[in-house]
C-alpha cells in the first residue's frame, strides 16, 4: 500500500540525538540548562538525546533557538556531494503539534551560506503558529499549489500558486492552508 505524503515516517531519531548532543557540547551547556532555555522538561530532552521520543517541529525549533543554531542542524545528516530526493520520499519529514502541517527538509546551507530549503505540505484546519526563530532569520516562500495565509502573526498575507512572499522569521508567524497546499520554503539565517 502506498503512503500518502502526510503518512510518511518520522525523522530519524538517531540523527536528531547525535545532533542534540553535538550542539549542546559545542555550546558548553548542561542537559538541564538546555531544557530550561528551550522550555522543555529535562526528561524529554534526555529521551531525545537517547534517540527515543517523538519530537514535533515546535520542540526542535525551540531547541534550535535555545542552542542558537538553524533548525536544520538538528535534523539533517551530513550532506553528500550529489543528492536526489524523489517526490514523496523526503528525507526528514516533521509534523506540527496542532496543525495539519508537514515540512520536509530538502537541503541545508553550508556553514557559510546559512540557508535551508523545505517542502511544506499544508491541509486546511488549525493554523500552524510558529515561534520566533534565531535572530536574523528570514523566510522566503513560493506557493506551488493551493492557497496559504502566512507571515508575521500581526500581518499575514494570502498567497496562491506561483506567488512569492518573504517575511522575518525571527518574530512569531503563522502558516494557514485555505485549501490543500504545498509550497517551497527557503529559511535564510543571517
Protein backbone atom coordinates (compact mmCIF):
# COMPACT_ATOMS: atom_id res chain seq x y z
CA UNK A 1 0.00 0.00 0.00
CA UNK A 2 1.39 3.40 -0.97
CA UNK A 3 1.66 6.03 1.75
CA UNK A 4 0.23 9.48 1.26
CA UNK A 5 2.61 12.39 1.95
CA UNK A 6 1.04 13.01 5.39
CA UNK A 7 1.65 9.35 6.42
CA UNK A 8 5.42 9.28 5.83
CA UNK A 9 7.66 8.12 8.70
CA UNK A 10 9.00 10.42 11.39
CA UNK A 11 12.51 11.93 11.21
CA UNK A 12 15.45 9.65 12.00
CA UNK A 13 15.79 9.81 15.78
CA UNK A 14 19.47 8.76 15.74
CA UNK A 15 20.35 11.83 13.63
CA UNK A 16 18.44 14.13 15.99
CA UNK A 17 20.00 12.52 19.09
CA UNK A 18 23.55 12.89 17.77
CA UNK A 19 22.93 16.47 16.64
CA UNK A 20 21.49 17.49 20.02
CA UNK A 21 24.49 16.07 21.88
CA UNK A 22 26.93 17.64 19.38
CA UNK A 23 25.34 21.10 19.52
CA UNK A 24 24.87 21.03 23.31
CA UNK A 25 28.55 20.07 23.75
CA UNK A 26 29.58 22.80 21.29
CA UNK A 27 27.58 25.35 23.32
CA UNK A 28 29.09 24.03 26.55
CA UNK A 29 25.78 23.76 28.40
CA UNK A 30 24.26 21.03 30.52
CA UNK A 31 21.20 18.99 29.64
CA UNK A 32 19.26 20.77 32.40
CA UNK A 33 20.29 24.22 31.12
CA UNK A 34 19.30 23.44 27.53
CA UNK A 35 15.96 22.06 28.70
CA UNK A 36 15.37 25.26 30.72
CA UNK A 37 16.28 27.55 27.79
CA UNK A 38 14.03 25.60 25.40
CA UNK A 39 11.12 25.40 27.86
CA UNK A 40 11.18 21.58 27.89
CA UNK A 41 11.21 19.01 30.66
CA UNK A 42 14.71 17.65 31.31
CA UNK A 43 13.31 14.11 30.90
CA UNK A 44 12.00 15.00 27.41
CA UNK A 45 15.41 16.30 26.32
CA UNK A 46 17.12 13.27 27.86
CA UNK A 47 14.84 10.96 25.83
CA UNK A 48 15.60 12.87 22.63
CA UNK A 49 19.35 12.68 23.22
CA UNK A 50 18.93 8.94 23.83
CA UNK A 51 17.24 8.56 20.45
CA UNK A 52 13.72 7.95 21.71
CA UNK A 53 10.62 10.12 21.88
CA UNK A 54 8.73 11.74 19.05
CA UNK A 55 9.82 15.38 18.66
CA UNK A 56 7.50 17.82 16.93
CA UNK A 57 8.57 20.73 14.76
CA UNK A 58 7.85 23.05 17.69
CA UNK A 59 10.11 21.11 20.07
CA UNK A 60 13.00 21.03 17.60
CA UNK A 61 12.63 24.73 16.74
CA UNK A 62 12.70 25.60 20.46
CA UNK A 63 15.90 23.57 20.85
CA UNK A 64 17.47 25.24 17.80
CA UNK A 65 16.66 28.70 19.14
CA UNK A 66 17.99 27.77 22.60
CA UNK A 67 21.22 26.50 21.01
CA UNK A 68 21.48 29.43 18.57
CA UNK A 69 21.60 27.14 15.52
CA UNK A 70 19.39 26.72 12.45
CA UNK A 71 16.69 24.08 12.81
CA UNK A 72 18.29 22.03 10.04
CA UNK A 73 21.44 21.40 12.13
CA UNK A 74 19.27 19.25 14.41
CA UNK A 75 17.59 17.06 11.79
CA UNK A 76 19.85 16.73 8.76
CA UNK A 77 22.53 14.05 8.39
CA UNK A 78 25.90 15.00 6.93
CA UNK A 79 25.45 16.01 3.25
CA UNK A 80 26.79 14.11 0.26
CA UNK A 81 28.14 15.61 -3.00
CA UNK A 82 25.11 14.66 -5.14
CA UNK A 83 21.71 14.34 -3.55
CA UNK A 84 18.35 13.44 -5.10
CA UNK A 85 15.07 13.41 -3.21
CA UNK A 86 12.26 11.94 -5.26
CA UNK A 87 8.74 13.36 -4.86
CA UNK A 88 7.07 11.82 -1.82
CA UNK A 89 10.35 10.47 -0.45
CA UNK A 90 11.54 13.43 1.63
CA UNK A 91 14.48 12.57 3.83
CA UNK A 92 13.39 14.34 7.02
CA UNK A 93 9.64 14.88 7.46
CA UNK A 94 8.44 16.74 10.53
CA UNK A 95 4.90 17.33 11.75
CA UNK A 96 3.42 20.20 13.72
CA UNK A 97 1.78 19.50 17.08
CA UNK A 98 -1.65 21.03 16.40
CA UNK A 99 -1.89 21.86 12.68
CA UNK A 100 -2.06 19.51 9.68
CA UNK A 101 1.37 20.71 8.55
CA UNK A 102 4.37 18.67 7.38
CA UNK A 103 7.77 20.16 6.49
CA UNK A 104 10.35 18.14 4.60
CA UNK A 105 13.92 19.37 4.82
CA UNK A 106 15.32 19.17 1.29
CA UNK A 107 18.73 20.81 1.76
CA UNK A 108 20.75 22.64 4.35
CA UNK A 109 23.10 25.51 3.75
CA UNK A 110 26.82 25.22 4.26
CA UNK A 111 28.20 26.84 7.42
CA UNK A 112 28.88 29.92 5.26
CA UNK A 113 25.56 30.09 3.37
CA UNK A 114 23.22 29.57 6.35
CA UNK A 115 20.08 28.71 4.44
CA UNK A 116 17.79 25.70 4.46
CA UNK A 117 15.29 24.51 1.86
CA UNK A 118 11.97 22.84 2.78
CA UNK A 119 8.94 21.44 1.01
CA UNK A 120 5.81 22.29 3.04
CA UNK A 121 2.53 20.39 2.79
CA UNK A 122 -0.48 22.01 4.45
CA UNK A 123 -4.09 21.00 4.89
CA UNK A 124 -7.00 23.27 5.90
CA UNK A 125 -7.78 23.32 9.61
CA UNK A 126 -5.90 24.80 12.52
CA UNK A 127 -3.11 27.19 11.55
CA UNK A 128 0.49 26.40 12.46
CA UNK A 129 1.68 29.07 14.86
CA UNK A 130 5.48 29.31 14.79
CA UNK A 131 7.62 30.89 17.48
CA UNK A 132 10.41 33.29 16.54
CA UNK A 133 13.48 31.57 15.08
CA UNK A 134 17.10 32.59 15.70
CA UNK A 135 17.77 36.35 15.28
CA UNK A 136 18.18 37.48 11.67
CA UNK A 137 16.10 34.63 10.18
CA UNK A 138 14.14 35.47 7.03
CA UNK A 139 11.59 33.16 5.38
CA UNK A 140 11.06 33.04 1.60
CA UNK A 141 8.03 31.07 0.35
CA UNK A 142 6.88 30.19 -3.17
CA UNK A 143 3.48 28.51 -3.37
CA UNK A 144 3.28 25.55 -5.76
CA UNK A 145 -0.41 24.73 -5.33
CA UNK A 146 -3.32 25.84 -3.16
CA UNK A 147 -3.76 28.99 -1.09
CA UNK A 148 -1.90 29.85 2.12
CA UNK A 149 -2.21 32.68 4.63
CA UNK A 150 1.26 33.26 6.08
CA UNK A 151 3.57 35.86 7.57
CA UNK A 152 4.04 37.60 10.89
CA UNK A 153 1.10 36.98 13.25
CA UNK A 154 0.12 40.68 13.13
CA UNK A 155 0.15 40.95 9.32
CA UNK A 156 -0.41 37.64 7.49
CA UNK A 157 -0.86 37.74 3.73
CA UNK A 158 -2.78 35.38 1.42
CA UNK A 159 -0.71 33.84 -1.38
CA UNK A 160 -1.54 31.38 -4.16
CA UNK A 161 0.12 29.32 -6.90
CA UNK A 162 3.29 30.99 -8.18
CA UNK A 163 3.18 33.74 -5.55
CA UNK A 164 6.29 34.61 -3.53
CA UNK A 165 6.32 36.10 -0.04
CA UNK A 166 9.20 36.97 2.28
CA UNK A 167 8.99 37.94 5.95
CA UNK A 168 11.06 38.00 9.15
CA UNK A 169 11.33 34.54 10.70
CA UNK A 170 12.62 35.93 13.98
CA UNK A 171 9.15 37.09 15.06
CA UNK A 172 6.08 34.90 15.79
CA UNK A 173 4.49 33.89 12.48
CA UNK A 174 1.93 31.51 11.05
CA UNK A 175 1.09 29.19 8.16
CA UNK A 176 -2.57 28.53 7.40
CA UNK A 177 -3.82 26.43 4.49
CA UNK A 178 -7.01 27.81 2.96
CA UNK A 179 -7.17 24.68 0.78
CA UNK A 180 -4.84 21.68 0.34
CA UNK A 181 -1.49 23.30 -0.48
CA UNK A 182 2.20 22.82 -0.96
CA UNK A 183 4.99 25.38 -1.07
CA UNK A 184 8.77 25.69 -1.06
CA UNK A 185 10.29 27.50 1.92
CA UNK A 186 13.83 28.87 1.99
CA UNK A 187 14.89 29.70 5.54
CA UNK A 188 17.71 32.22 5.49
CA UNK A 189 19.81 32.71 8.63
CA UNK A 190 21.78 35.97 8.54
